[in-house]
């Protein structure tokens, strides 16, 4: 499971867009959003880099929190 910090995710609409972005990349991905912490946990067959790049391209800069 990956954990990403998504700084510009500030509302439910943002969380939904991030979730849809990840699931567009991997329809089987499991996505958990903790909005108040701006944290997204993803279980996916795609790489962390691919997921972070997709979220960033959607307008929500994402950084790896997996090791933190």
N, C-alpha and C. Protein backbone atom coordinates (compact mmCIF):
# COMPACT_ATOMS: atom_id res chain seq x y z
N UNK A 1 0.85 -1.18 0.00
CA UNK A 1 0.00 0.00 0.00
C UNK A 1 0.89 1.24 0.00
N UNK A 2 0.48 2.21 -0.80
CA UNK A 2 1.21 3.47 -0.89
C UNK A 2 0.49 4.53 -0.08
N UNK A 3 1.23 5.48 0.43
CA UNK A 3 0.66 6.64 1.11
C UNK A 3 1.23 7.89 0.46
N UNK A 4 0.33 8.79 0.08
CA UNK A 4 0.76 10.02 -0.59
C UNK A 4 0.18 11.23 0.12
N UNK A 5 1.00 12.26 0.24
CA UNK A 5 0.56 13.55 0.75
C UNK A 5 0.09 14.35 -0.47
N UNK A 6 -1.14 14.85 -0.41
CA UNK A 6 -1.72 15.59 -1.53
C UNK A 6 -2.11 16.97 -1.00
N UNK A 7 -1.18 17.92 -1.12
CA UNK A 7 -1.31 19.23 -0.48
C UNK A 7 -2.55 20.02 -0.88
N UNK A 8 -2.92 20.04 -2.14
CA UNK A 8 -4.01 20.90 -2.59
C UNK A 8 -5.38 20.26 -2.45
N UNK A 9 -5.47 19.08 -1.87
CA UNK A 9 -6.74 18.39 -1.68
C UNK A 9 -7.40 18.94 -0.42
N UNK A 10 -8.43 19.77 -0.61
CA UNK A 10 -8.99 20.47 0.55
C UNK A 10 -10.48 20.28 0.78
N UNK A 11 -11.15 19.54 -0.11
CA UNK A 11 -12.60 19.36 0.06
C UNK A 11 -13.02 18.00 -0.47
N UNK A 12 -14.27 17.66 -0.26
CA UNK A 12 -14.79 16.39 -0.74
C UNK A 12 -14.72 16.25 -2.24
N UNK A 13 -14.93 17.34 -2.96
CA UNK A 13 -14.83 17.31 -4.42
C UNK A 13 -13.42 16.98 -4.87
N UNK A 14 -12.44 17.56 -4.18
CA UNK A 14 -11.03 17.27 -4.48
C UNK A 14 -10.75 15.79 -4.22
N UNK A 15 -11.22 15.30 -3.09
CA UNK A 15 -11.01 13.90 -2.73
C UNK A 15 -11.62 12.98 -3.77
N UNK A 16 -12.82 13.32 -4.24
CA UNK A 16 -13.47 12.50 -5.27
C UNK A 16 -12.67 12.52 -6.57
N UNK A 17 -12.15 13.68 -6.94
CA UNK A 17 -11.37 13.78 -8.18
C UNK A 17 -10.08 12.96 -8.08
N UNK A 18 -9.42 13.03 -6.93
CA UNK A 18 -8.21 12.24 -6.73
C UNK A 18 -8.54 10.75 -6.82
N UNK A 19 -9.63 10.34 -6.18
CA UNK A 19 -10.05 8.93 -6.21
C UNK A 19 -10.33 8.50 -7.64
N UNK A 20 -11.09 9.31 -8.38
CA UNK A 20 -11.41 8.97 -9.78
C UNK A 20 -10.15 8.92 -10.64
N UNK A 21 -9.20 9.79 -10.37
CA UNK A 21 -7.95 9.80 -11.12
C UNK A 21 -7.18 8.50 -10.92
N UNK A 22 -7.08 8.07 -9.68
CA UNK A 22 -6.37 6.82 -9.39
C UNK A 22 -7.11 5.64 -10.03
N UNK A 23 -8.43 5.62 -9.92
CA UNK A 23 -9.19 4.50 -10.45
C UNK A 23 -9.27 4.52 -11.98
N UNK A 24 -9.02 5.66 -12.61
CA UNK A 24 -8.91 5.70 -14.06
C UNK A 24 -7.62 5.02 -14.50
N UNK A 25 -6.59 5.14 -13.69
CA UNK A 25 -5.30 4.50 -13.97
C UNK A 25 -5.37 3.00 -13.68
N UNK A 26 -6.04 2.65 -12.59
CA UNK A 26 -6.21 1.24 -12.19
C UNK A 26 -7.61 1.07 -11.62
N UNK A 27 -8.55 0.58 -12.42
CA UNK A 27 -9.94 0.43 -11.96
C UNK A 27 -10.10 -0.45 -10.73
N UNK A 28 -9.14 -1.32 -10.47
CA UNK A 28 -9.23 -2.20 -9.30
C UNK A 28 -8.56 -1.61 -8.05
N UNK A 29 -8.01 -0.43 -8.17
CA UNK A 29 -7.30 0.19 -7.04
C UNK A 29 -8.25 0.45 -5.88
N UNK A 30 -7.72 0.26 -4.68
CA UNK A 30 -8.45 0.61 -3.46
C UNK A 30 -7.86 1.94 -3.00
N UNK A 31 -8.74 2.93 -2.81
CA UNK A 31 -8.30 4.27 -2.46
C UNK A 31 -8.97 4.68 -1.16
N UNK A 32 -8.17 5.15 -0.21
CA UNK A 32 -8.67 5.67 1.06
C UNK A 32 -8.15 7.09 1.20
N UNK A 33 -9.06 8.03 1.42
CA UNK A 33 -8.69 9.44 1.56
C UNK A 33 -8.92 9.87 3.01
N UNK A 34 -7.91 10.51 3.59
CA UNK A 34 -8.04 11.13 4.91
C UNK A 34 -7.90 12.62 4.65
N UNK A 35 -9.04 13.25 4.40
CA UNK A 35 -9.05 14.64 3.92
C UNK A 35 -8.38 15.60 4.90
N UNK A 36 -8.68 15.47 6.19
CA UNK A 36 -8.12 16.42 7.16
C UNK A 36 -6.60 16.36 7.24
N UNK A 37 -6.00 15.22 6.88
CA UNK A 37 -4.54 15.08 6.85
C UNK A 37 -3.97 15.25 5.44
N UNK A 38 -4.87 15.42 4.46
CA UNK A 38 -4.47 15.49 3.03
C UNK A 38 -3.63 14.28 2.65
N UNK A 39 -4.10 13.12 3.09
CA UNK A 39 -3.41 11.86 2.89
C UNK A 39 -4.26 10.94 2.02
N UNK A 40 -3.63 10.26 1.09
CA UNK A 40 -4.31 9.28 0.25
C UNK A 40 -3.52 7.98 0.35
N UNK A 41 -4.23 6.91 0.70
CA UNK A 41 -3.62 5.58 0.72
C UNK A 41 -4.18 4.81 -0.47
N UNK A 42 -3.29 4.17 -1.19
CA UNK A 42 -3.68 3.47 -2.41
C UNK A 42 -3.09 2.07 -2.42
N UNK A 43 -3.94 1.10 -2.71
CA UNK A 43 -3.49 -0.26 -2.95
C UNK A 43 -3.74 -0.51 -4.43
N UNK A 44 -2.67 -0.75 -5.18
CA UNK A 44 -2.77 -0.84 -6.63
C UNK A 44 -1.64 -1.68 -7.21
N UNK A 45 -1.87 -2.20 -8.42
CA UNK A 45 -0.82 -2.90 -9.14
C UNK A 45 0.09 -1.91 -9.87
N UNK A 46 -0.33 -0.66 -9.99
CA UNK A 46 0.48 0.37 -10.63
C UNK A 46 1.57 0.83 -9.67
N UNK A 47 2.62 1.44 -10.22
CA UNK A 47 3.72 1.90 -9.39
C UNK A 47 3.34 3.19 -8.65
N UNK A 48 4.04 3.43 -7.57
CA UNK A 48 3.84 4.67 -6.82
C UNK A 48 4.08 5.87 -7.71
N UNK A 49 5.14 5.82 -8.51
CA UNK A 49 5.46 6.94 -9.39
C UNK A 49 4.33 7.22 -10.38
N UNK A 50 3.73 6.17 -10.94
CA UNK A 50 2.64 6.34 -11.90
C UNK A 50 1.42 6.96 -11.22
N UNK A 51 1.12 6.52 -10.02
CA UNK A 51 -0.03 7.05 -9.30
C UNK A 51 0.21 8.51 -8.92
N UNK A 52 1.40 8.81 -8.38
CA UNK A 52 1.72 10.19 -8.00
C UNK A 52 1.69 11.11 -9.22
N UNK A 53 2.19 10.63 -10.35
CA UNK A 53 2.20 11.44 -11.57
C UNK A 53 0.79 11.73 -12.05
N UNK A 54 -0.09 10.74 -11.98
CA UNK A 54 -1.48 10.93 -12.41
C UNK A 54 -2.20 11.93 -11.52
N UNK A 55 -2.00 11.82 -10.21
CA UNK A 55 -2.64 12.75 -9.27
C UNK A 55 -2.09 14.16 -9.49
N UNK A 56 -0.79 14.28 -9.67
CA UNK A 56 -0.17 15.58 -9.91
C UNK A 56 -0.69 16.18 -11.21
N UNK A 57 -0.80 15.37 -12.26
CA UNK A 57 -1.31 15.85 -13.55
C UNK A 57 -2.76 16.33 -13.45
N UNK A 58 -3.50 15.79 -12.48
CA UNK A 58 -4.89 16.20 -12.27
C UNK A 58 -4.97 17.51 -11.49
N UNK A 59 -3.81 18.07 -11.10
CA UNK A 59 -3.79 19.36 -10.42
C UNK A 59 -3.60 19.29 -8.92
N UNK A 60 -3.21 18.10 -8.44
CA UNK A 60 -3.02 17.92 -7.01
C UNK A 60 -1.63 17.35 -6.76
N UNK A 61 -0.63 18.21 -6.57
CA UNK A 61 0.73 17.72 -6.36
C UNK A 61 0.79 16.68 -5.25
N UNK A 62 1.34 15.51 -5.59
CA UNK A 62 1.39 14.38 -4.66
C UNK A 62 2.82 14.00 -4.39
N UNK A 63 3.11 13.70 -3.12
CA UNK A 63 4.45 13.25 -2.75
C UNK A 63 4.35 11.99 -1.91
N UNK A 64 5.37 11.17 -1.96
CA UNK A 64 5.43 9.88 -1.28
C UNK A 64 5.50 10.05 0.23
N UNK A 65 4.59 9.41 0.92
CA UNK A 65 4.61 9.38 2.38
C UNK A 65 4.76 7.94 2.87
N UNK A 66 4.96 7.00 1.96
CA UNK A 66 4.99 5.58 2.29
C UNK A 66 6.04 5.25 3.34
N UNK A 67 7.21 5.83 3.21
CA UNK A 67 8.30 5.53 4.13
C UNK A 67 8.20 6.31 5.44
N UNK A 68 7.35 7.34 5.46
CA UNK A 68 7.25 8.20 6.66
C UNK A 68 6.48 7.54 7.76
